[in-house]
């Protein structure tokens, strides 16, 4: 085969491979950006869920505290009446 033809084929194939590499790297960058956005969204959702759970638990504890206080006052009133 002629040297000029061989050099041309190698150059064209090399340029094609370099083009494919750049395309792959650009696609990979886009996917990483998308993944980063998904992780940020997940972080926001998890943080919101934790805050909601914390509010629910705090409310339940306050309700329990109120109920226990009322019950203790009722028991105290019963003992005062018998004493």
PDB file of N, CA and C in Angstrom:
ATOM      1  N   UNK A   1       0.836  -1.162   0.000  1.00  0.00           N
ATOM      2  CA  UNK A   1       0.000   0.000   0.000  1.00  0.00           C
ATOM      3  C   UNK A   1       0.890   1.237   0.000  1.00  0.00           C
ATOM      4  N   UNK A   2       0.421   2.222  -0.617  1.00  0.00           N
ATOM      5  CA  UNK A   2       1.168   3.460  -0.733  1.00  0.00           C
ATOM      6  C   UNK A   2       1.276   4.111   0.645  1.00  0.00           C
ATOM      7  N   UNK A   3       2.392   4.733   0.926  1.00  0.00           N
ATOM      8  CA  UNK A   3       2.628   5.379   2.213  1.00  0.00           C
ATOM      9  C   UNK A   3       1.642   6.518   2.446  1.00  0.00           C
ATOM     10  N   UNK A   4       1.314   7.251   1.414  1.00  0.00           N
ATOM     11  CA  UNK A   4       0.382   8.373   1.544  1.00  0.00           C
ATOM     12  C   UNK A   4      -0.998   7.862   1.948  1.00  0.00           C
ATOM     13  N   UNK A   5      -1.438   6.769   1.359  1.00  0.00           N
ATOM     14  CA  UNK A   5      -2.745   6.195   1.680  1.00  0.00           C
ATOM     15  C   UNK A   5      -2.752   5.681   3.119  1.00  0.00           C
ATOM     16  N   UNK A   6      -1.703   4.996   3.516  1.00  0.00           N
ATOM     17  CA  UNK A   6      -1.603   4.477   4.888  1.00  0.00           C
ATOM     18  C   UNK A   6      -1.630   5.617   5.893  1.00  0.00           C
ATOM     19  N   UNK A   7      -0.872   6.659   5.643  1.00  0.00           N
ATOM     20  CA  UNK A   7      -0.830   7.806   6.544  1.00  0.00           C
ATOM     21  C   UNK A   7      -2.199   8.477   6.617  1.00  0.00           C
ATOM     22  N   UNK A   8      -2.868   8.599   5.483  1.00  0.00           N
ATOM     23  CA  UNK A   8      -4.190   9.220   5.449  1.00  0.00           C
ATOM     24  C   UNK A   8      -5.195   8.397   6.248  1.00  0.00           C
ATOM     25  N   UNK A   9      -5.194   7.083   6.069  1.00  0.00           N
ATOM     26  CA  UNK A   9      -6.118   6.215   6.803  1.00  0.00           C
ATOM     27  C   UNK A   9      -5.867   6.285   8.316  1.00  0.00           C
ATOM     28  N   UNK A  10      -4.622   6.248   8.700  1.00  0.00           N
ATOM     29  CA  UNK A  10      -4.282   6.328  10.133  1.00  0.00           C
ATOM     30  C   UNK A  10      -4.719   7.669  10.699  1.00  0.00           C
ATOM     31  N   UNK A  11      -4.506   8.739   9.955  1.00  0.00           N
ATOM     32  CA  UNK A  11      -4.899  10.078  10.407  1.00  0.00           C
ATOM     33  C   UNK A  11      -6.408  10.180  10.563  1.00  0.00           C
ATOM     34  N   UNK A  12      -7.140   9.670   9.580  1.00  0.00           N
ATOM     35  CA  UNK A  12      -8.606   9.737   9.636  1.00  0.00           C
ATOM     36  C   UNK A  12      -9.128   8.906  10.802  1.00  0.00           C
ATOM     37  N   UNK A  13      -8.596   7.705  10.968  1.00  0.00           N
ATOM     38  CA  UNK A  13      -9.038   6.858  12.092  1.00  0.00           C
ATOM     39  C   UNK A  13      -8.669   7.488  13.433  1.00  0.00           C
ATOM     40  N   UNK A  14      -7.484   8.056  13.518  1.00  0.00           N
ATOM     41  CA  UNK A  14      -7.066   8.724  14.767  1.00  0.00           C
ATOM     42  C   UNK A  14      -7.948   9.915  15.092  1.00  0.00           C
ATOM     43  N   UNK A  15      -8.267  10.705  14.075  1.00  0.00           N
ATOM     44  CA  UNK A  15      -9.141  11.859  14.283  1.00  0.00           C
ATOM     45  C   UNK A  15     -10.529  11.394  14.713  1.00  0.00           C
ATOM     46  N   UNK A  16     -11.015  10.311  14.115  1.00  0.00           N
ATOM     47  CA  UNK A  16     -12.315   9.754  14.499  1.00  0.00           C
ATOM     48  C   UNK A  16     -12.318   9.290  15.947  1.00  0.00           C
ATOM     49  N   UNK A  17     -11.247   8.628  16.359  1.00  0.00           N
ATOM     50  CA  UNK A  17     -11.156   8.162  17.750  1.00  0.00           C
ATOM     51  C   UNK A  17     -11.074   9.331  18.725  1.00  0.00           C
ATOM     52  N   UNK A  18     -10.335  10.357  18.366  1.00  0.00           N
ATOM     53  CA  UNK A  18     -10.249  11.540  19.225  1.00  0.00           C
ATOM     54  C   UNK A  18     -11.615  12.229  19.305  1.00  0.00           C
ATOM     55  N   UNK A  19     -12.329  12.297  18.187  1.00  0.00           N
ATOM     56  CA  UNK A  19     -13.672  12.866  18.178  1.00  0.00           C
ATOM     57  C   UNK A  19     -14.619  12.075  19.059  1.00  0.00           C
ATOM     58  N   UNK A  20     -14.539  10.749  18.986  1.00  0.00           N
ATOM     59  CA  UNK A  20     -15.372   9.903  19.847  1.00  0.00           C
ATOM     60  C   UNK A  20     -15.028  10.098  21.322  1.00  0.00           C
ATOM     61  N   UNK A  21     -13.748  10.287  21.622  1.00  0.00           N
ATOM     62  CA  UNK A  21     -13.318  10.514  22.998  1.00  0.00           C
ATOM     63  C   UNK A  21     -13.914  11.813  23.534  1.00  0.00           C
ATOM     64  N   UNK A  22     -13.853  12.886  22.738  1.00  0.00           N
ATOM     65  CA  UNK A  22     -14.418  14.159  23.184  1.00  0.00           C
ATOM     66  C   UNK A  22     -15.932  14.051  23.372  1.00  0.00           C
ATOM     67  N   UNK A  23     -16.589  13.360  22.454  1.00  0.00           N
ATOM     68  CA  UNK A  23     -18.038  13.167  22.582  1.00  0.00           C
ATOM     69  C   UNK A  23     -18.352  12.393  23.862  1.00  0.00           C
ATOM     70  N   UNK A  24     -17.619  11.332  24.132  1.00  0.00           N
ATOM     71  CA  UNK A  24     -17.826  10.531  25.338  1.00  0.00           C
ATOM     72  C   UNK A  24     -17.589  11.367  26.598  1.00  0.00           C
ATOM     73  N   UNK A  25     -16.538  12.168  26.611  1.00  0.00           N
ATOM     74  CA  UNK A  25     -16.245  12.997  27.785  1.00  0.00           C
ATOM     75  C   UNK A  25     -17.325  14.052  28.001  1.00  0.00           C
ATOM     76  N   UNK A  26     -17.849  14.635  26.943  1.00  0.00           N
ATOM     77  CA  UNK A  26     -18.925  15.616  27.061  1.00  0.00           C
ATOM     78  C   UNK A  26     -20.185  14.953  27.624  1.00  0.00           C
ATOM     79  N   UNK A  27     -20.504  13.762  27.120  1.00  0.00           N
ATOM     80  CA  UNK A  27     -21.663  13.015  27.603  1.00  0.00           C
ATOM     81  C   UNK A  27     -21.489  12.628  29.067  1.00  0.00           C
ATOM     82  N   UNK A  28     -20.296  12.226  29.423  1.00  0.00           N
ATOM     83  CA  UNK A  28     -19.998  11.851  30.807  1.00  0.00           C
ATOM     84  C   UNK A  28     -20.145  13.056  31.731  1.00  0.00           C
ATOM     85  N   UNK A  29     -19.701  14.208  31.296  1.00  0.00           N
ATOM     86  CA  UNK A  29     -19.844  15.429  32.082  1.00  0.00           C
ATOM     87  C   UNK A  29     -21.314  15.771  32.309  1.00  0.00           C
ATOM     88  N   UNK A  30     -22.126  15.627  31.268  1.00  0.00           N
ATOM     89  CA  UNK A  30     -23.566  15.891  31.383  1.00  0.00           C
ATOM     90  C   UNK A  30     -24.209  14.922  32.366  1.00  0.00           C
ATOM     91  N   UNK A  31     -23.818  13.677  32.305  1.00  0.00           N
ATOM     92  CA  UNK A  31     -24.390  12.677  33.227  1.00  0.00           C
ATOM     93  C   UNK A  31     -23.991  12.959  34.671  1.00  0.00           C
ATOM     94  N   UNK A  32     -22.768  13.380  34.900  1.00  0.00           N
ATOM     95  CA  UNK A  32     -22.343  13.713  36.254  1.00  0.00           C
ATOM     96  C   UNK A  32     -23.106  14.928  36.786  1.00  0.00           C
ATOM     97  N   UNK A  33     -23.357  15.903  35.934  1.00  0.00           N
ATOM     98  CA  UNK A  33     -24.133  17.075  36.345  1.00  0.00           C
ATOM     99  C   UNK A  33     -25.558  16.660  36.707  1.00  0.00           C
ATOM    100  N   UNK A  34     -26.131  15.772  35.918  1.00  0.00           N
ATOM    101  CA  UNK A  34     -27.478  15.268  36.197  1.00  0.00           C
ATOM    102  C   UNK A  34     -27.502  14.481  37.506  1.00  0.00           C
ATOM    103  N   UNK A  35     -26.486  13.685  37.732  1.00  0.00           N
ATOM    104  CA  UNK A  35     -26.392  12.913  38.969  1.00  0.00           C
ATOM    105  C   UNK A  35     -26.240  13.836  40.168  1.00  0.00           C
ATOM    106  N   UNK A  36     -25.446  14.884  40.020  1.00  0.00           N
ATOM    107  CA  UNK A  36     -25.269  15.849  41.100  1.00  0.00           C
ATOM    108  C   UNK A  36     -26.597  16.513  41.448  1.00  0.00           C
ATOM    109  N   UNK A  37     -27.376  16.881  40.435  1.00  0.00           N
ATOM    110  CA  UNK A  37     -28.682  17.505  40.663  1.00  0.00           C
ATOM    111  C   UNK A  37     -29.620  16.532  41.377  1.00  0.00           C
ATOM    112  N   UNK A  38     -29.590  15.266  40.972  1.00  0.00           N
ATOM    113  CA  UNK A  38     -30.441  14.259  41.615  1.00  0.00           C
ATOM    114  C   UNK A  38     -30.061  14.081  43.084  1.00  0.00           C
ATOM    115  N   UNK A  39     -28.786  14.092  43.389  1.00  0.00           N
ATOM    116  CA  UNK A  39     -28.336  13.961  44.779  1.00  0.00           C
ATOM    117  C   UNK A  39     -28.760  15.185  45.585  1.00  0.00           C
ATOM    118  N   UNK A  40     -28.654  16.368  45.010  1.00  0.00           N
ATOM    119  CA  UNK A  40     -29.097  17.575  45.706  1.00  0.00           C
ATOM    120  C   UNK A  40     -30.598  17.534  45.990  1.00  0.00           C
ATOM    121  N   UNK A  41     -31.383  17.071  45.011  1.00  0.00           N
ATOM    122  CA  UNK A  41     -32.827  16.944  45.213  1.00  0.00           C
ATOM    123  C   UNK A  41     -33.140  15.935  46.306  1.00  0.00           C
ATOM    124  N   UNK A  42     -32.420  14.826  46.303  1.00  0.00           N
ATOM    125  CA  UNK A  42     -32.625  13.803  47.329  1.00  0.00           C
ATOM    126  C   UNK A  42     -32.278  14.354  48.705  1.00  0.00           C
ATOM    127  N   UNK A  43     -31.192  15.127  48.785  1.00  0.00           N
ATOM    128  CA  UNK A  43     -30.797  15.734  50.058  1.00  0.00           C
ATOM    129  C   UNK A  43     -31.894  16.653  50.577  1.00  0.00           C
ATOM    130  N   UNK A  44     -32.487  17.440  49.679  1.00  0.00           N
ATOM    131  CA  UNK A  44     -33.561  18.353  50.071  1.00  0.00           C
ATOM    132  C   UNK A  44     -34.772  17.572  50.575  1.00  0.00           C
ATOM    133  N   UNK A  45     -35.125  16.502  49.876  1.00  0.00           N
ATOM    134  CA  UNK A  45     -36.278  15.693  50.284  1.00  0.00           C
ATOM    135  C   UNK A  45     -36.030  15.006  51.627  1.00  0.00           C
ATOM    136  N   UNK A  46     -34.848  14.464  51.823  1.00  0.00           N
ATOM    137  CA  UNK A  46     -34.534  13.773  53.073  1.00  0.00           C
ATOM    138  C   UNK A  46     -34.506  14.766  54.230  1.00  0.00           C
ATOM    139  N   UNK A  47     -33.931  15.936  54.007  1.00  0.00           N
ATOM    140  CA  UNK A  47     -33.890  16.962  55.051  1.00  0.00           C
ATOM    141  C   UNK A  47     -35.301  17.385  55.436  1.00  0.00           C
ATOM    142  N   UNK A  48     -36.162  17.569  54.447  1.00  0.00           N
ATOM    143  CA  UNK A  48     -37.555  17.932  54.716  1.00  0.00           C
ATOM    144  C   UNK A  48     -38.280  16.845  55.483  1.00  0.00           C
ATOM    145  N   UNK A  49     -38.054  15.597  55.108  1.00  0.00           N
ATOM    146  CA  UNK A  49     -38.698  14.480  55.800  1.00  0.00           C
ATOM    147  C   UNK A  49     -38.219  14.381  57.245  1.00  0.00           C
ATOM    148  N   UNK A  50     -36.945  14.619  57.468  1.00  0.00           N
ATOM    149  CA  UNK A  50     -36.411  14.573  58.835  1.00  0.00           C
ATOM    150  C   UNK A  50     -37.009  15.692  59.676  1.00  0.00           C
ATOM    151  N   UNK A  51     -37.155  16.887  59.099  1.00  0.00           N
ATOM    152  CA  UNK A  51     -37.757  18.002  59.835  1.00  0.00           C
ATOM    153  C   UNK A  51     -39.215  17.703  60.167  1.00  0.00           C
ATOM    154  N   UNK A  52     -39.951  17.117  59.214  1.00  0.00           N
ATOM    155  CA  UNK A  52     -41.345  16.746  59.475  1.00  0.00           C
ATOM    156  C   UNK A  52     -41.428  15.706  60.590  1.00  0.00           C
ATOM    157  N   UNK A  53     -40.558  14.717  60.530  1.00  0.00           N
ATOM    158  CA  UNK A  53     -40.544  13.683  61.562  1.00  0.00           C
ATOM    159  C   UNK A  53     -40.203  14.275  62.920  1.00  0.00           C
ATOM    160  N   UNK A  54     -39.243  15.183  62.944  1.00  0.00           N
ATOM    161  CA  UNK A  54     -38.857  15.841  64.187  1.00  0.00           C
ATOM    162  C   UNK A  54     -40.029  16.634  64.766  1.00  0.00           C
ATOM    163  N   UNK A  55     -40.765  17.333  63.908  1.00  0.00           N
ATOM    164  CA  UNK A  55     -41.930  18.091  64.361  1.00  0.00           C
ATOM    165  C   UNK A  55     -42.998  17.163  64.916  1.00  0.00           C
ATOM    166  N   UNK A  56     -43.229  16.051  64.232  1.00  0.00           N
ATOM    167  CA  UNK A  56     -44.229  15.090  64.699  1.00  0.00           C
ATOM    168  C   UNK A  56     -43.846  14.493  66.047  1.00  0.00           C
ATOM    169  N   UNK A  57     -42.593  14.129  66.201  1.00  0.00           N
ATOM    170  CA  UNK A  57     -42.130  13.540  67.462  1.00  0.00           C
ATOM    171  C   UNK A  57     -42.203  14.571  68.581  1.00  0.00           C
ATOM    172  N   UNK A  58     -41.806  15.798  68.294  1.00  0.00           N
ATOM    173  CA  UNK A  58     -41.872  16.855  69.302  1.00  0.00           C
ATOM    174  C   UNK A  58     -43.315  17.092  69.725  1.00  0.00           C
ATOM    175  N   UNK A  59     -44.228  17.134  68.764  1.00  0.00           N
ATOM    176  CA  UNK A  59     -45.646  17.305  69.077  1.00  0.00           C
ATOM    177  C   UNK A  59     -46.181  16.159  69.901  1.00  0.00           C
ATOM    178  N   UNK A  60     -45.801  14.939  69.566  1.00  0.00           N
ATOM    179  CA  UNK A  60     -46.263  13.771  70.312  1.00  0.00           C
ATOM    180  C   UNK A  60     -45.733  13.800  71.740  1.00  0.00           C
ATOM    181  N   UNK A  61     -44.501  14.213  71.922  1.00  0.00           N
ATOM    182  CA  UNK A  61     -43.916  14.287  73.263  1.00  0.00           C
ATOM    183  C   UNK A  61     -44.638  15.353  74.086  1.00  0.00           C
ATOM    184  N   UNK A  62     -44.931  16.492  73.479  1.00  0.00           N
ATOM    185  CA  UNK A  62     -45.651  17.556  74.196  1.00  0.00           C
ATOM    186  C   UNK A  62     -47.051  17.094  74.585  1.00  0.00           C
ATOM    187  N   UNK A  63     -47.732  16.386  73.665  1.00  0.00           N
ATOM    188  CA  UNK A  63     -49.061  15.852  73.973  1.00  0.00           C
ATOM    189  C   UNK A  63     -48.987  14.852  75.120  1.00  0.00           C
ATOM    190  N   UNK A  64     -47.997  13.994  75.090  1.00  0.00           N
ATOM    191  CA  UNK A  64     -47.812  13.007  76.157  1.00  0.00           C
ATOM    192  C   UNK A  64     -47.533  13.701  77.481  1.00  0.00           C
ATOM    193  N   UNK A  65     -46.690  14.731  77.440  1.00  0.00           N
ATOM    194  CA  UNK A  65     -46.382  15.486  78.653  1.00  0.00           C
ATOM    195  C   UNK A  65     -47.639  16.128  79.229  1.00  0.00           C
ATOM    196  N   UNK A  66     -48.473  16.690  78.371  1.00  0.00           N
ATOM    197  CA  UNK A  66     -49.726  17.308  78.808  1.00  0.00           C
ATOM    198  C   UNK A  66     -50.651  16.264  79.433  1.00  0.00           C
ATOM    199  N   UNK A  67     -50.776  15.117  78.782  1.00  0.00           N
ATOM    200  CA  UNK A  67     -51.640  14.048  79.299  1.00  0.00           C
ATOM    201  C   UNK A  67     -51.144  13.530  80.642  1.00  0.00           C
ATOM    202  N   UNK A  68     -49.844  13.367  80.780  1.00  0.00           N
ATOM    203  CA  UNK A  68     -49.282  12.881  82.044  1.00  0.00           C
ATOM    204  C   UNK A  68     -49.511  13.908  83.151  1.00  0.00           C
ATOM    205  N   UNK A  69     -49.348  15.183  82.822  1.00  0.00           N
ATOM    206  CA  UNK A  69     -49.577  16.246  83.818  1.00  0.00           C
ATOM    207  C   UNK A  69     -51.027  16.237  84.280  1.00  0.00           C
ATOM    208  N   UNK A  70     -51.957  16.113  83.355  1.00  0.00           N
ATOM    209  CA  UNK A  70     -53.380  16.073  83.701  1.00  0.00           C
ATOM    210  C   UNK A  70     -53.680  14.861  84.577  1.00  0.00           C
ATOM    211  N   UNK A  71     -53.141  13.722  84.212  1.00  0.00           N
ATOM    212  CA  UNK A  71     -53.369  12.491  84.991  1.00  0.00           C
ATOM    213  C   UNK A  71     -52.768  12.616  86.388  1.00  0.00           C
ATOM    214  N   UNK A  72     -51.580  13.191  86.488  1.00  0.00           N
ATOM    215  CA  UNK A  72     -50.957  13.363  87.799  1.00  0.00           C
ATOM    216  C   UNK A  72     -51.767  14.304  88.678  1.00  0.00           C
ATOM    217  N   UNK A  73     -52.306  15.359  88.101  1.00  0.00           N
ATOM    218  CA  UNK A  73     -53.152  16.276  88.860  1.00  0.00           C
ATOM    219  C   UNK A  73     -54.415  15.586  89.325  1.00  0.00           C
ATOM    220  N   UNK A  74     -54.985  14.711  88.471  1.00  0.00           N
ATOM    221  CA  UNK A  74     -56.186  13.965  88.848  1.00  0.00           C
ATOM    222  C   UNK A  74     -55.881  13.011  89.996  1.00  0.00           C
ATOM    223  N   UNK A  75     -54.749  12.333  89.933  1.00  0.00           N
ATOM    224  CA  UNK A  75     -54.358  11.415  91.014  1.00  0.00           C
ATOM    225  C   UNK A  75     -54.082  12.203  92.286  1.00  0.00           C
ATOM    226  N   UNK A  76     -53.435  13.338  92.163  1.00  0.00           N
ATOM    227  CA  UNK A  76     -53.139  14.184  93.326  1.00  0.00           C
ATOM    228  C   UNK A  76     -54.437  14.653  93.984  1.00  0.00           C
ATOM    229  N   UNK A  77     -55.412  15.020  93.166  1.00  0.00           N
ATOM    230  CA  UNK A  77     -56.709  15.460  93.687  1.00  0.00           C
ATOM    231  C   UNK A  77     -57.403  14.318  94.423  1.00  0.00           C
ATOM    232  N   UNK A  78     -57.304  13.107  93.896  1.00  0.00           N
ATOM    233  CA  UNK A  78     -57.914  11.954  94.563  1.00  0.00           C
ATOM    234  C   UNK A  78     -57.255  11.675  95.919  1.00  0.00           C
ATOM    235  N   UNK A  79     -55.936  11.793  95.977  1.00  0.00           N
ATOM    236  CA  UNK A  79     -55.245  11.541  97.248  1.00  0.00           C
ATOM    237  C   UNK A  79     -55.544  12.636  98.270  1.00  0.00           C
ATOM    238  N   UNK A  80     -55.682  13.863  97.811  1.00  0.00           N
ATOM    239  CA  UNK A  80     -56.011  14.951  98.725  1.00  0.00           C
ATOM    240  C   UNK A  80     -57.403  14.764  99.312  1.00  0.00           C
ATOM    241  N   UNK A  81     -58.301  14.213  98.524  1.00  0.00           N
ATOM    242  CA  UNK A  81     -59.655  13.980  98.992  1.00  0.00           C
ATOM    243  C   UNK A  81     -59.730  12.869 100.018  1.00  0.00           C
ATOM    244  N   UNK A  82     -58.805  11.946  99.986  1.00  0.00           N
ATOM    245  CA  UNK A  82     -58.785  10.811 100.916  1.00  0.00           C
ATOM    246  C   UNK A  82     -57.920  11.088 102.133  1.00  0.00           C
ATOM    247  N   UNK A  83     -57.150  12.100 102.069  1.00  0.00           N
ATOM    248  CA  UNK A  83     -56.176  12.360 103.121  1.00  0.00           C
ATOM    249  C   UNK A  83     -56.693  13.139 104.206  1.00  0.00           C
TER     250      UNK A  83
END
